[in-house]
Every structure is written in structure tokens, then in C-alpha cells.
């Protein structure tokens, strides 16, 4: 809750292989959830 949305998403890609594909996966997530892209700098607790 006290981390920004973008950092929460980065936490989901902590494995080595996922880190290598982080930017691609991030774009796919933002494509599914445009609202997260709009609010990526907000704290998760504000959602």
C-alpha cells in the first residue's frame, strides 16, 4: 500500500527472466489496465 503503483508492478518481476522482459510485460499490463498507467506514480493505498 505504501509503494507507488509502478514499484508494485516491478515487484512482480523480481525473477531474473521476468526482469529481462519487464518493459514488455509492463506495456501488456498497462494495455489491460489503462488506469494503472494513468496513476502509476500514486501510492497503492489511494486506489
ModelCIF file with pLDDT and N, C-alpha, C, O atoms, coordinates in Angstrom:
data_MODEL
#
_entry.id   MODEL 
#
_entity.id                         1 
_entity.type                       polymer 
_entity.pdbx_number_of_molecules   1 
#
_entity_poly.entity_id                      1 
_entity_poly.type                           'polypeptide(L)' 
_entity_poly.nstd_linkage                   no 
_entity_poly.nstd_monomer                   no 
_entity_poly.pdbx_seq_one_letter_code       
;(UNK)(UNK)(UNK)(UNK)(UNK)(UNK)(UNK)(UNK)(UNK)(UNK)(UNK)(UNK)(UNK)(UNK)(UNK)(UNK)
(UNK)(UNK)(UNK)(UNK)(UNK)(UNK)(UNK)(UNK)(UNK)(UNK)(UNK)(UNK)(UNK)(UNK)(UNK)(UNK)
(UNK)(UNK)(UNK)(UNK)(UNK)(UNK)(UNK)(UNK)(UNK)(UNK)(UNK)(UNK)(UNK)(UNK)(UNK)
;
_entity_poly.pdbx_seq_one_letter_code_can   XXXXXXXXXXXXXXXXXXXXXXXXXXXXXXXXXXXXXXXXXXXXXXX 
_entity_poly.pdbx_strand_id                 A 
#
loop_
_entity_poly_seq.entity_id 
_entity_poly_seq.num 
_entity_poly_seq.mon_id 
_entity_poly_seq.hetero 
1 1  UNK n 
1 2  UNK n 
1 3  UNK n 
1 4  UNK n 
1 5  UNK n 
1 6  UNK n 
1 7  UNK n 
1 8  UNK n 
1 9  UNK n 
1 10 UNK n 
1 11 UNK n 
1 12 UNK n 
1 13 UNK n 
1 14 UNK n 
1 15 UNK n 
1 16 UNK n 
1 17 UNK n 
1 18 UNK n 
1 19 UNK n 
1 20 UNK n 
1 21 UNK n 
1 22 UNK n 
1 23 UNK n 
1 24 UNK n 
1 25 UNK n 
1 26 UNK n 
1 27 UNK n 
1 28 UNK n 
1 29 UNK n 
1 30 UNK n 
1 31 UNK n 
1 32 UNK n 
1 33 UNK n 
1 34 UNK n 
1 35 UNK n 
1 36 UNK n 
1 37 UNK n 
1 38 UNK n 
1 39 UNK n 
1 40 UNK n 
1 41 UNK n 
1 42 UNK n 
1 43 UNK n 
1 44 UNK n 
1 45 UNK n 
1 46 UNK n 
1 47 UNK n 
#
_struct_asym.id          A 
_struct_asym.entity_id   1 
#
loop_
_ma_qa_metric.id 
_ma_qa_metric.mode 
_ma_qa_metric.name 
_ma_qa_metric.software_group_id 
_ma_qa_metric.type 
1 global pLDDT . pLDDT 
2 local  pLDDT . pLDDT 
#
_ma_qa_metric_global.metric_id      1 
_ma_qa_metric_global.metric_value   88.79 
_ma_qa_metric_global.model_id       1 
_ma_qa_metric_global.ordinal_id     1 
#
loop_
_ma_qa_metric_local.label_asym_id 
_ma_qa_metric_local.label_comp_id 
_ma_qa_metric_local.label_seq_id 
_ma_qa_metric_local.metric_id 
_ma_qa_metric_local.metric_value 
_ma_qa_metric_local.model_id 
_ma_qa_metric_local.ordinal_id 
A UNK 1  2 91.00 1 1  
A UNK 2  2 94.00 1 2  
A UNK 3  2 94.00 1 3  
A UNK 4  2 95.00 1 4  
A UNK 5  2 94.00 1 5  
A UNK 6  2 94.00 1 6  
A UNK 7  2 93.00 1 7  
A UNK 8  2 93.00 1 8  
A UNK 9  2 94.00 1 9  
A UNK 10 2 91.00 1 10 
A UNK 11 2 89.00 1 11 
A UNK 12 2 85.00 1 12 
A UNK 13 2 84.00 1 13 
A UNK 14 2 77.00 1 14 
A UNK 15 2 71.00 1 15 
A UNK 16 2 67.00 1 16 
A UNK 17 2 73.00 1 17 
A UNK 18 2 69.00 1 18 
A UNK 19 2 75.00 1 19 
A UNK 20 2 81.00 1 20 
A UNK 21 2 83.00 1 21 
A UNK 22 2 86.00 1 22 
A UNK 23 2 87.00 1 23 
A UNK 24 2 89.00 1 24 
A UNK 25 2 89.00 1 25 
A UNK 26 2 90.00 1 26 
A UNK 27 2 91.00 1 27 
A UNK 28 2 91.00 1 28 
A UNK 29 2 93.00 1 29 
A UNK 30 2 94.00 1 30 
A UNK 31 2 92.00 1 31 
A UNK 32 2 92.00 1 32 
A UNK 33 2 92.00 1 33 
A UNK 34 2 92.00 1 34 
A UNK 35 2 92.00 1 35 
A UNK 36 2 93.00 1 36 
A UNK 37 2 93.00 1 37 
A UNK 38 2 93.00 1 38 
A UNK 39 2 92.00 1 39 
A UNK 40 2 93.00 1 40 
A UNK 41 2 94.00 1 41 
A UNK 42 2 94.00 1 42 
A UNK 43 2 95.00 1 43 
A UNK 44 2 93.00 1 44 
A UNK 45 2 92.00 1 45 
A UNK 46 2 93.00 1 46 
A UNK 47 2 91.00 1 47 
#
loop_
_atom_site.group_PDB 
_atom_site.id 
_atom_site.type_symbol 
_atom_site.label_atom_id 
_atom_site.label_alt_id 
_atom_site.label_comp_id 
_atom_site.label_asym_id 
_atom_site.label_entity_id 
_atom_site.label_seq_id 
_atom_site.pdbx_PDB_ins_code 
_atom_site.Cartn_x 
_atom_site.Cartn_y 
_atom_site.Cartn_z 
_atom_site.occupancy 
_atom_site.B_iso_or_equiv 
_atom_site.pdbx_formal_charge 
_atom_site.auth_seq_id 
_atom_site.auth_comp_id 
_atom_site.auth_asym_id 
_atom_site.auth_atom_id 
_atom_site.pdbx_PDB_model_num 
ATOM 1   N N  . UNK A 1 1  ? 0.793  -1.240  0.000   1.00 91.00 ? 1  UNK A N  1 
ATOM 2   C CA . UNK A 1 1  ? 0.000  0.000   0.000   1.00 91.00 ? 1  UNK A CA 1 
ATOM 3   C C  . UNK A 1 1  ? 0.819  1.281   0.000   1.00 91.00 ? 1  UNK A C  1 
ATOM 4   O O  . UNK A 1 1  ? 0.376  2.291   -0.547  1.00 91.00 ? 1  UNK A O  1 
ATOM 5   N N  . UNK A 1 2  ? 1.993  1.262   0.596   1.00 94.00 ? 2  UNK A N  1 
ATOM 6   C CA . UNK A 1 2  ? 2.782  2.491   0.699   1.00 94.00 ? 2  UNK A CA 1 
ATOM 7   C C  . UNK A 1 2  ? 3.814  2.622   -0.414  1.00 94.00 ? 2  UNK A C  1 
ATOM 8   O O  . UNK A 1 2  ? 4.661  3.515   -0.380  1.00 94.00 ? 2  UNK A O  1 
ATOM 9   N N  . UNK A 1 3  ? 3.744  1.740   -1.389  1.00 94.00 ? 3  UNK A N  1 
ATOM 10  C CA . UNK A 1 3  ? 4.609  1.848   -2.560  1.00 94.00 ? 3  UNK A CA 1 
ATOM 11  C C  . UNK A 1 3  ? 3.796  2.355   -3.737  1.00 94.00 ? 3  UNK A C  1 
ATOM 12  O O  . UNK A 1 3  ? 2.587  2.133   -3.811  1.00 94.00 ? 3  UNK A O  1 
ATOM 13  N N  . UNK A 1 4  ? 4.475  3.045   -4.670  1.00 95.00 ? 4  UNK A N  1 
ATOM 14  C CA . UNK A 1 4  ? 3.790  3.515   -5.860  1.00 95.00 ? 4  UNK A CA 1 
ATOM 15  C C  . UNK A 1 4  ? 3.355  2.327   -6.720  1.00 95.00 ? 4  UNK A C  1 
ATOM 16  O O  . UNK A 1 4  ? 3.929  1.241   -6.641  1.00 95.00 ? 4  UNK A O  1 
ATOM 17  N N  . UNK A 1 5  ? 2.344  2.556   -7.529  1.00 94.00 ? 5  UNK A N  1 
ATOM 18  C CA . UNK A 1 5  ? 1.818  1.507   -8.401  1.00 94.00 ? 5  UNK A CA 1 
ATOM 19  C C  . UNK A 1 5  ? 2.926  0.933   -9.279  1.00 94.00 ? 5  UNK A C  1 
ATOM 20  O O  . UNK A 1 5  ? 3.022  -0.284  -9.437  1.00 94.00 ? 5  UNK A O  1 
ATOM 21  N N  . UNK A 1 6  ? 3.749  1.786   -9.841  1.00 94.00 ? 6  UNK A N  1 
ATOM 22  C CA . UNK A 1 6  ? 4.829  1.328   -10.710 1.00 94.00 ? 6  UNK A CA 1 
ATOM 23  C C  . UNK A 1 6  ? 5.775  0.400   -9.969  1.00 94.00 ? 6  UNK A C  1 
ATOM 24  O O  . UNK A 1 6  ? 6.202  -0.620  -10.511 1.00 94.00 ? 6  UNK A O  1 
ATOM 25  N N  . UNK A 1 7  ? 6.106  0.750   -8.724  1.00 93.00 ? 7  UNK A N  1 
ATOM 26  C CA . UNK A 1 7  ? 7.016  -0.086  -7.945  1.00 93.00 ? 7  UNK A CA 1 
ATOM 27  C C  . UNK A 1 7  ? 6.355  -1.403  -7.551  1.00 93.00 ? 7  UNK A C  1 
ATOM 28  O O  . UNK A 1 7  ? 7.025  -2.433  -7.482  1.00 93.00 ? 7  UNK A O  1 
ATOM 29  N N  . UNK A 1 8  ? 5.054  -1.381  -7.293  1.00 93.00 ? 8  UNK A N  1 
ATOM 30  C CA . UNK A 1 8  ? 4.340  -2.629  -7.039  1.00 93.00 ? 8  UNK A CA 1 
ATOM 31  C C  . UNK A 1 8  ? 4.485  -3.562  -8.229  1.00 93.00 ? 8  UNK A C  1 
ATOM 32  O O  . UNK A 1 8  ? 4.773  -4.748  -8.067  1.00 93.00 ? 8  UNK A O  1 
ATOM 33  N N  . UNK A 1 9  ? 4.284  -3.019  -9.430  1.00 94.00 ? 9  UNK A N  1 
ATOM 34  C CA . UNK A 1 9  ? 4.398  -3.844  -10.624 1.00 94.00 ? 9  UNK A CA 1 
ATOM 35  C C  . UNK A 1 9  ? 5.816  -4.383  -10.801 1.00 94.00 ? 9  UNK A C  1 
ATOM 36  O O  . UNK A 1 9  ? 6.002  -5.537  -11.189 1.00 94.00 ? 9  UNK A O  1 
ATOM 37  N N  . UNK A 1 10 ? 6.795  -3.561  -10.521 1.00 91.00 ? 10 UNK A N  1 
ATOM 38  C CA . UNK A 1 10 ? 8.183  -4.024  -10.627 1.00 91.00 ? 10 UNK A CA 1 
ATOM 39  C C  . UNK A 1 10 ? 8.460  -5.160  -9.656  1.00 91.00 ? 10 UNK A C  1 
ATOM 40  O O  . UNK A 1 10 ? 9.247  -6.060  -9.951  1.00 91.00 ? 10 UNK A O  1 
ATOM 41  N N  . UNK A 1 11 ? 7.804  -5.116  -8.481  1.00 89.00 ? 11 UNK A N  1 
ATOM 42  C CA . UNK A 1 11 ? 7.983  -6.187  -7.502  1.00 89.00 ? 11 UNK A CA 1 
ATOM 43  C C  . UNK A 1 11 ? 7.498  -7.526  -8.046  1.00 89.00 ? 11 UNK A C  1 
ATOM 44  O O  . UNK A 1 11 ? 7.978  -8.584  -7.639  1.00 89.00 ? 11 UNK A O  1 
ATOM 45  N N  . UNK A 1 12 ? 6.544  -7.467  -8.969  1.00 85.00 ? 12 UNK A N  1 
ATOM 46  C CA . UNK A 1 12 ? 6.043  -8.700  -9.567  1.00 85.00 ? 12 UNK A CA 1 
ATOM 47  C C  . UNK A 1 12 ? 7.022  -9.340  -10.537 1.00 85.00 ? 12 UNK A C  1 
ATOM 48  O O  . UNK A 1 12 ? 6.839  -10.489 -10.938 1.00 85.00 ? 12 UNK A O  1 
ATOM 49  N N  . UNK A 1 13 ? 8.065  -8.603  -10.919 1.00 84.00 ? 13 UNK A N  1 
ATOM 50  C CA . UNK A 1 13 ? 9.034  -9.121  -11.902 1.00 84.00 ? 13 UNK A CA 1 
ATOM 51  C C  . UNK A 1 13 ? 10.416 -9.281  -11.275 1.00 84.00 ? 13 UNK A C  1 
ATOM 52  O O  . UNK A 1 13 ? 11.430 -8.914  -11.868 1.00 84.00 ? 13 UNK A O  1 
ATOM 53  N N  . UNK A 1 14 ? 10.436 -9.835  -10.069 1.00 77.00 ? 14 UNK A N  1 
ATOM 54  C CA . UNK A 1 14 ? 11.714 -9.956  -9.358  1.00 77.00 ? 14 UNK A CA 1 
ATOM 55  C C  . UNK A 1 14 ? 12.566 -11.109 -9.857  1.00 77.00 ? 14 UNK A C  1 
ATOM 56  O O  . UNK A 1 14 ? 13.779 -11.114 -9.646  1.00 77.00 ? 14 UNK A O  1 
ATOM 57  N N  . UNK A 1 15 ? 11.953 -12.089 -10.518 1.00 71.00 ? 15 UNK A N  1 
ATOM 58  C CA . UNK A 1 15 ? 12.741 -13.194 -11.054 1.00 71.00 ? 15 UNK A CA 1 
ATOM 59  C C  . UNK A 1 15 ? 13.592 -12.729 -12.230 1.00 71.00 ? 15 UNK A C  1 
ATOM 60  O O  . UNK A 1 15 ? 13.223 -11.793 -12.940 1.00 71.00 ? 15 UNK A O  1 
ATOM 61  N N  . UNK A 1 16 ? 14.726 -13.380 -12.432 1.00 67.00 ? 16 UNK A N  1 
ATOM 62  C CA . UNK A 1 16 ? 15.675 -12.935 -13.453 1.00 67.00 ? 16 UNK A CA 1 
ATOM 63  C C  . UNK A 1 16 ? 15.043 -12.868 -14.833 1.00 67.00 ? 16 UNK A C  1 
ATOM 64  O O  . UNK A 1 16 ? 15.181 -11.862 -15.530 1.00 67.00 ? 16 UNK A O  1 
ATOM 65  N N  . UNK A 1 17 ? 14.350 -13.929 -15.236 1.00 73.00 ? 17 UNK A N  1 
ATOM 66  C CA . UNK A 1 17 ? 13.743 -13.952 -16.566 1.00 73.00 ? 17 UNK A CA 1 
ATOM 67  C C  . UNK A 1 17 ? 12.695 -12.859 -16.707 1.00 73.00 ? 17 UNK A C  1 
ATOM 68  O O  . UNK A 1 17 ? 12.605 -12.208 -17.748 1.00 73.00 ? 17 UNK A O  1 
ATOM 69  N N  . UNK A 1 18 ? 11.900 -12.657 -15.655 1.00 69.00 ? 18 UNK A N  1 
ATOM 70  C CA . UNK A 1 18 ? 10.862 -11.623 -15.704 1.00 69.00 ? 18 UNK A CA 1 
ATOM 71  C C  . UNK A 1 18 ? 11.472 -10.229 -15.752 1.00 69.00 ? 18 UNK A C  1 
ATOM 72  O O  . UNK A 1 18 ? 10.933 -9.342  -16.413 1.00 69.00 ? 18 UNK A O  1 
ATOM 73  N N  . UNK A 1 19 ? 12.589 -10.024 -15.059 1.00 75.00 ? 19 UNK A N  1 
ATOM 74  C CA . UNK A 1 19 ? 13.260 -8.714  -15.112 1.00 75.00 ? 19 UNK A CA 1 
ATOM 75  C C  . UNK A 1 19 ? 13.724 -8.406  -16.524 1.00 75.00 ? 19 UNK A C  1 
ATOM 76  O O  . UNK A 1 19 ? 13.667 -7.259  -16.966 1.00 75.00 ? 19 UNK A O  1 
ATOM 77  N N  . UNK A 1 20 ? 14.182 -9.425  -17.229 1.00 81.00 ? 20 UNK A N  1 
ATOM 78  C CA . UNK A 1 20 ? 14.653 -9.226  -18.601 1.00 81.00 ? 20 UNK A CA 1 
ATOM 79  C C  . UNK A 1 20 ? 13.522 -8.795  -19.528 1.00 81.00 ? 20 UNK A C  1 
ATOM 80  O O  . UNK A 1 20 ? 13.761 -8.125  -20.533 1.00 81.00 ? 20 UNK A O  1 
ATOM 81  N N  . UNK A 1 21 ? 12.294 -9.176  -19.193 1.00 83.00 ? 21 UNK A N  1 
ATOM 82  C CA . UNK A 1 21 ? 11.139 -8.860  -20.039 1.00 83.00 ? 21 UNK A CA 1 
ATOM 83  C C  . UNK A 1 21 ? 10.229 -7.829  -19.370 1.00 83.00 ? 21 UNK A C  1 
ATOM 84  O O  . UNK A 1 21 ? 9.053  -7.712  -19.717 1.00 83.00 ? 21 UNK A O  1 
ATOM 85  N N  . UNK A 1 22 ? 10.775 -7.092  -18.417 1.00 86.00 ? 22 UNK A N  1 
ATOM 86  C CA . UNK A 1 22 ? 9.963  -6.184  -17.612 1.00 86.00 ? 22 UNK A CA 1 
ATOM 87  C C  . UNK A 1 22 ? 9.244  -5.140  -18.447 1.00 86.00 ? 22 UNK A C  1 
ATOM 88  O O  . UNK A 1 22 ? 8.049  -4.918  -18.253 1.00 86.00 ? 22 UNK A O  1 
ATOM 89  N N  . UNK A 1 23 ? 9.934  -4.499  -19.363 1.00 87.00 ? 23 UNK A N  1 
ATOM 90  C CA . UNK A 1 23 ? 9.309  -3.418  -20.129 1.00 87.00 ? 23 UNK A CA 1 
ATOM 91  C C  . UNK A 1 23 ? 8.171  -3.953  -21.012 1.00 87.00 ? 23 UNK A C  1 
ATOM 92  O O  . UNK A 1 23 ? 7.114  -3.331  -21.116 1.00 87.00 ? 23 UNK A O  1 
ATOM 93  N N  . UNK A 1 24 ? 8.396  -5.090  -21.635 1.00 89.00 ? 24 UNK A N  1 
ATOM 94  C CA . UNK A 1 24 ? 7.352  -5.694  -22.469 1.00 89.00 ? 24 UNK A CA 1 
ATOM 95  C C  . UNK A 1 24 ? 6.138  -6.075  -21.624 1.00 89.00 ? 24 UNK A C  1 
ATOM 96  O O  . UNK A 1 24 ? 4.998  -5.794  -21.992 1.00 89.00 ? 24 UNK A O  1 
ATOM 97  N N  . UNK A 1 25 ? 6.399  -6.719  -20.488 1.00 89.00 ? 25 UNK A N  1 
ATOM 98  C CA . UNK A 1 25 ? 5.299  -7.135  -19.624 1.00 89.00 ? 25 UNK A CA 1 
ATOM 99  C C  . UNK A 1 25 ? 4.560  -5.930  -19.042 1.00 89.00 ? 25 UNK A C  1 
ATOM 100 O O  . UNK A 1 25 ? 3.342  -5.960  -18.865 1.00 89.00 ? 25 UNK A O  1 
ATOM 101 N N  . UNK A 1 26 ? 5.319  -4.864  -18.747 1.00 90.00 ? 26 UNK A N  1 
ATOM 102 C CA . UNK A 1 26 ? 4.695  -3.654  -18.204 1.00 90.00 ? 26 UNK A CA 1 
ATOM 103 C C  . UNK A 1 26 ? 3.732  -3.059  -19.225 1.00 90.00 ? 26 UNK A C  1 
ATOM 104 O O  . UNK A 1 26 ? 2.630  -2.641  -18.870 1.00 90.00 ? 26 UNK A O  1 
ATOM 105 N N  . UNK A 1 27 ? 4.136  -3.020  -20.471 1.00 91.00 ? 27 UNK A N  1 
ATOM 106 C CA . UNK A 1 27 ? 3.256  -2.480  -21.511 1.00 91.00 ? 27 UNK A CA 1 
ATOM 107 C C  . UNK A 1 27 ? 2.001  -3.324  -21.671 1.00 91.00 ? 27 UNK A C  1 
ATOM 108 O O  . UNK A 1 27 ? 0.916  -2.792  -21.902 1.00 91.00 ? 27 UNK A O  1 
ATOM 109 N N  . UNK A 1 28 ? 2.148  -4.634  -21.549 1.00 91.00 ? 28 UNK A N  1 
ATOM 110 C CA . UNK A 1 28 ? 0.978  -5.503  -21.648 1.00 91.00 ? 28 UNK A CA 1 
ATOM 111 C C  . UNK A 1 28 ? 0.035  -5.273  -20.477 1.00 91.00 ? 28 UNK A C  1 
ATOM 112 O O  . UNK A 1 28 ? -1.182 -5.261  -20.658 1.00 91.00 ? 28 UNK A O  1 
ATOM 113 N N  . UNK A 1 29 ? 0.580  -5.090  -19.280 1.00 93.00 ? 29 UNK A N  1 
ATOM 114 C CA . UNK A 1 29 ? -0.256 -4.814  -18.107 1.00 93.00 ? 29 UNK A CA 1 
ATOM 115 C C  . UNK A 1 29 ? -0.966 -3.473  -18.263 1.00 93.00 ? 29 UNK A C  1 
ATOM 116 O O  . UNK A 1 29 ? -2.158 -3.363  -17.977 1.00 93.00 ? 29 UNK A O  1 
ATOM 117 N N  . UNK A 1 30 ? -0.242 -2.462  -18.713 1.00 94.00 ? 30 UNK A N  1 
ATOM 118 C CA . UNK A 1 30 ? -0.869 -1.150  -18.914 1.00 94.00 ? 30 UNK A CA 1 
ATOM 119 C C  . UNK A 1 30 ? -1.910 -1.203  -20.030 1.00 94.00 ? 30 UNK A C  1 
ATOM 120 O O  . UNK A 1 30 ? -2.886 -0.453  -20.005 1.00 94.00 ? 30 UNK A O  1 
ATOM 121 N N  . UNK A 1 31 ? -1.704 -2.088  -21.011 1.00 92.00 ? 31 UNK A N  1 
ATOM 122 C CA . UNK A 1 31 ? -2.709 -2.259  -22.045 1.00 92.00 ? 31 UNK A CA 1 
ATOM 123 C C  . UNK A 1 31 ? -3.988 -2.852  -21.500 1.00 92.00 ? 31 UNK A C  1 
ATOM 124 O O  . UNK A 1 31 ? -5.085 -2.476  -21.914 1.00 92.00 ? 31 UNK A O  1 
ATOM 125 N N  . UNK A 1 32 ? -3.845 -3.784  -20.566 1.00 92.00 ? 32 UNK A N  1 
ATOM 126 C CA . UNK A 1 32 ? -5.013 -4.374  -19.920 1.00 92.00 ? 32 UNK A CA 1 
ATOM 127 C C  . UNK A 1 32 ? -5.684 -3.397  -18.960 1.00 92.00 ? 32 UNK A C  1 
ATOM 128 O O  . UNK A 1 32 ? -6.909 -3.354  -18.856 1.00 92.00 ? 32 UNK A O  1 
ATOM 129 N N  . UNK A 1 33 ? -4.862 -2.613  -18.261 1.00 92.00 ? 33 UNK A N  1 
ATOM 130 C CA . UNK A 1 33 ? -5.363 -1.741  -17.206 1.00 92.00 ? 33 UNK A CA 1 
ATOM 131 C C  . UNK A 1 33 ? -4.866 -0.305  -17.435 1.00 92.00 ? 33 UNK A C  1 
ATOM 132 O O  . UNK A 1 33 ? -3.936 0.133   -16.758 1.00 92.00 ? 33 UNK A O  1 
ATOM 133 N N  . UNK A 1 34 ? -5.464 0.424   -18.366 1.00 92.00 ? 34 UNK A N  1 
ATOM 134 C CA . UNK A 1 34 ? -5.007 1.800   -18.637 1.00 92.00 ? 34 UNK A CA 1 
ATOM 135 C C  . UNK A 1 34 ? -5.023 2.695   -17.398 1.00 92.00 ? 34 UNK A C  1 
ATOM 136 O O  . UNK A 1 34 ? -4.234 3.634   -17.292 1.00 92.00 ? 34 UNK A O  1 
ATOM 137 N N  . UNK A 1 35 ? -5.916 2.401   -16.473 1.00 92.00 ? 35 UNK A N  1 
ATOM 138 C CA . UNK A 1 35 ? -5.993 3.220   -15.265 1.00 92.00 ? 35 UNK A CA 1 
ATOM 139 C C  . UNK A 1 35 ? -4.707 3.136   -14.446 1.00 92.00 ? 35 UNK A C  1 
ATOM 140 O O  . UNK A 1 35 ? -4.320 4.107   -13.797 1.00 92.00 ? 35 UNK A O  1 
ATOM 141 N N  . UNK A 1 36 ? -4.048 1.984   -14.475 1.00 93.00 ? 36 UNK A N  1 
ATOM 142 C CA . UNK A 1 36 ? -2.779 1.861   -13.753 1.00 93.00 ? 36 UNK A CA 1 
ATOM 143 C C  . UNK A 1 36 ? -1.696 2.706   -14.400 1.00 93.00 ? 36 UNK A C  1 
ATOM 144 O O  . UNK A 1 36 ? -0.850 3.272   -13.707 1.00 93.00 ? 36 UNK A O  1 
ATOM 145 N N  . UNK A 1 37 ? -1.716 2.795   -15.727 1.00 93.00 ? 37 UNK A N  1 
ATOM 146 C CA . UNK A 1 37 ? -0.749 3.670   -16.397 1.00 93.00 ? 37 UNK A CA 1 
ATOM 147 C C  . UNK A 1 37 ? -0.978 5.121   -15.982 1.00 93.00 ? 37 UNK A C  1 
ATOM 148 O O  . UNK A 1 37 ? -0.029 5.846   -15.683 1.00 93.00 ? 37 UNK A O  1 
ATOM 149 N N  . UNK A 1 38 ? -2.244 5.538   -15.964 1.00 93.00 ? 38 UNK A N  1 
ATOM 150 C CA . UNK A 1 38 ? -2.581 6.919   -15.606 1.00 93.00 ? 38 UNK A CA 1 
ATOM 151 C C  . UNK A 1 38 ? -2.134 7.254   -14.187 1.00 93.00 ? 38 UNK A C  1 
ATOM 152 O O  . UNK A 1 38 ? -1.772 8.395   -13.899 1.00 93.00 ? 38 UNK A O  1 
ATOM 153 N N  . UNK A 1 39 ? -2.160 6.267   -13.311 1.00 92.00 ? 39 UNK A N  1 
ATOM 154 C CA . UNK A 1 39 ? -1.910 6.534   -11.887 1.00 92.00 ? 39 UNK A CA 1 
ATOM 155 C C  . UNK A 1 39 ? -0.634 5.875   -11.382 1.00 92.00 ? 39 UNK A C  1 
ATOM 156 O O  . UNK A 1 39 ? -0.488 5.642   -10.182 1.00 92.00 ? 39 UNK A O  1 
ATOM 157 N N  . UNK A 1 40 ? 0.277  5.579   -12.276 1.00 93.00 ? 40 UNK A N  1 
ATOM 158 C CA . UNK A 1 40 ? 1.437  4.768   -11.911 1.00 93.00 ? 40 UNK A CA 1 
ATOM 159 C C  . UNK A 1 40 ? 2.298  5.381   -10.819 1.00 93.00 ? 40 UNK A C  1 
ATOM 160 O O  . UNK A 1 40 ? 3.032  4.659   -10.144 1.00 93.00 ? 40 UNK A O  1 
ATOM 161 N N  . UNK A 1 41 ? 2.229  6.706   -10.626 1.00 94.00 ? 41 UNK A N  1 
ATOM 162 C CA . UNK A 1 41 ? 3.046  7.347   -9.604  1.00 94.00 ? 41 UNK A CA 1 
ATOM 163 C C  . UNK A 1 41 ? 2.310  7.495   -8.270  1.00 94.00 ? 41 UNK A C  1 
ATOM 164 O O  . UNK A 1 41 ? 2.889  7.987   -7.301  1.00 94.00 ? 41 UNK A O  1 
ATOM 165 N N  . UNK A 1 42 ? 1.050  7.077   -8.208  1.00 94.00 ? 42 UNK A N  1 
ATOM 166 C CA . UNK A 1 42 ? 0.292  7.153   -6.963  1.00 94.00 ? 42 UNK A CA 1 
ATOM 167 C C  . UNK A 1 42 ? 0.648  5.986   -6.038  1.00 94.00 ? 42 UNK A C  1 
ATOM 168 O O  . UNK A 1 42 ? 1.090  4.930   -6.490  1.00 94.00 ? 42 UNK A O  1 
ATOM 169 N N  . UNK A 1 43 ? 0.447  6.199   -4.735  1.00 95.00 ? 43 UNK A N  1 
ATOM 170 C CA . UNK A 1 43 ? 0.586  5.114   -3.776  1.00 95.00 ? 43 UNK A CA 1 
ATOM 171 C C  . UNK A 1 43 ? -0.565 4.131   -3.969  1.00 95.00 ? 43 UNK A C  1 
ATOM 172 O O  . UNK A 1 43 ? -1.685 4.536   -4.283  1.00 95.00 ? 43 UNK A O  1 
ATOM 173 N N  . UNK A 1 44 ? -0.296 2.866   -3.784  1.00 93.00 ? 44 UNK A N  1 
ATOM 174 C CA . UNK A 1 44 ? -1.324 1.842   -3.979  1.00 93.00 ? 44 UNK A CA 1 
ATOM 175 C C  . UNK A 1 44 ? -2.485 2.004   -3.005  1.00 93.00 ? 44 UNK A C  1 
ATOM 176 O O  . UNK A 1 44 ? -3.610 1.612   -3.315  1.00 93.00 ? 44 UNK A O  1 
ATOM 177 N N  . UNK A 1 45 ? -2.226 2.578   -1.829  1.00 92.00 ? 45 UNK A N  1 
ATOM 178 C CA . UNK A 1 45 ? -3.303 2.741   -0.846  1.00 92.00 ? 45 UNK A CA 1 
ATOM 179 C C  . UNK A 1 45 ? -4.347 3.756   -1.286  1.00 92.00 ? 45 UNK A C  1 
ATOM 180 O O  . UNK A 1 45 ? -5.423 3.815   -0.691  1.00 92.00 ? 45 UNK A O  1 
ATOM 181 N N  . UNK A 1 46 ? -4.066 4.553   -2.309  1.00 93.00 ? 46 UNK A N  1 
ATOM 182 C CA . UNK A 1 46 ? -5.042 5.537   -2.789  1.00 93.00 ? 46 UNK A CA 1 
ATOM 183 C C  . UNK A 1 46 ? -6.042 4.928   -3.767  1.00 93.00 ? 46 UNK A C  1 
ATOM 184 O O  . UNK A 1 46 ? -6.987 5.600   -4.179  1.00 93.00 ? 46 UNK A O  1 
ATOM 185 N N  . UNK A 1 47 ? -5.849 3.668   -4.141  1.00 91.00 ? 47 UNK A N  1 
ATOM 186 C CA . UNK A 1 47 ? -6.712 3.038   -5.127  1.00 91.00 ? 47 UNK A CA 1 
ATOM 187 C C  . UNK A 1 47 ? -7.995 2.511   -4.495  1.00 91.00 ? 47 UNK A C  1 
ATOM 188 O O  . UNK A 1 47 ? -8.839 1.947   -5.191  1.00 91.00 ? 47 UNK A O  1 
#
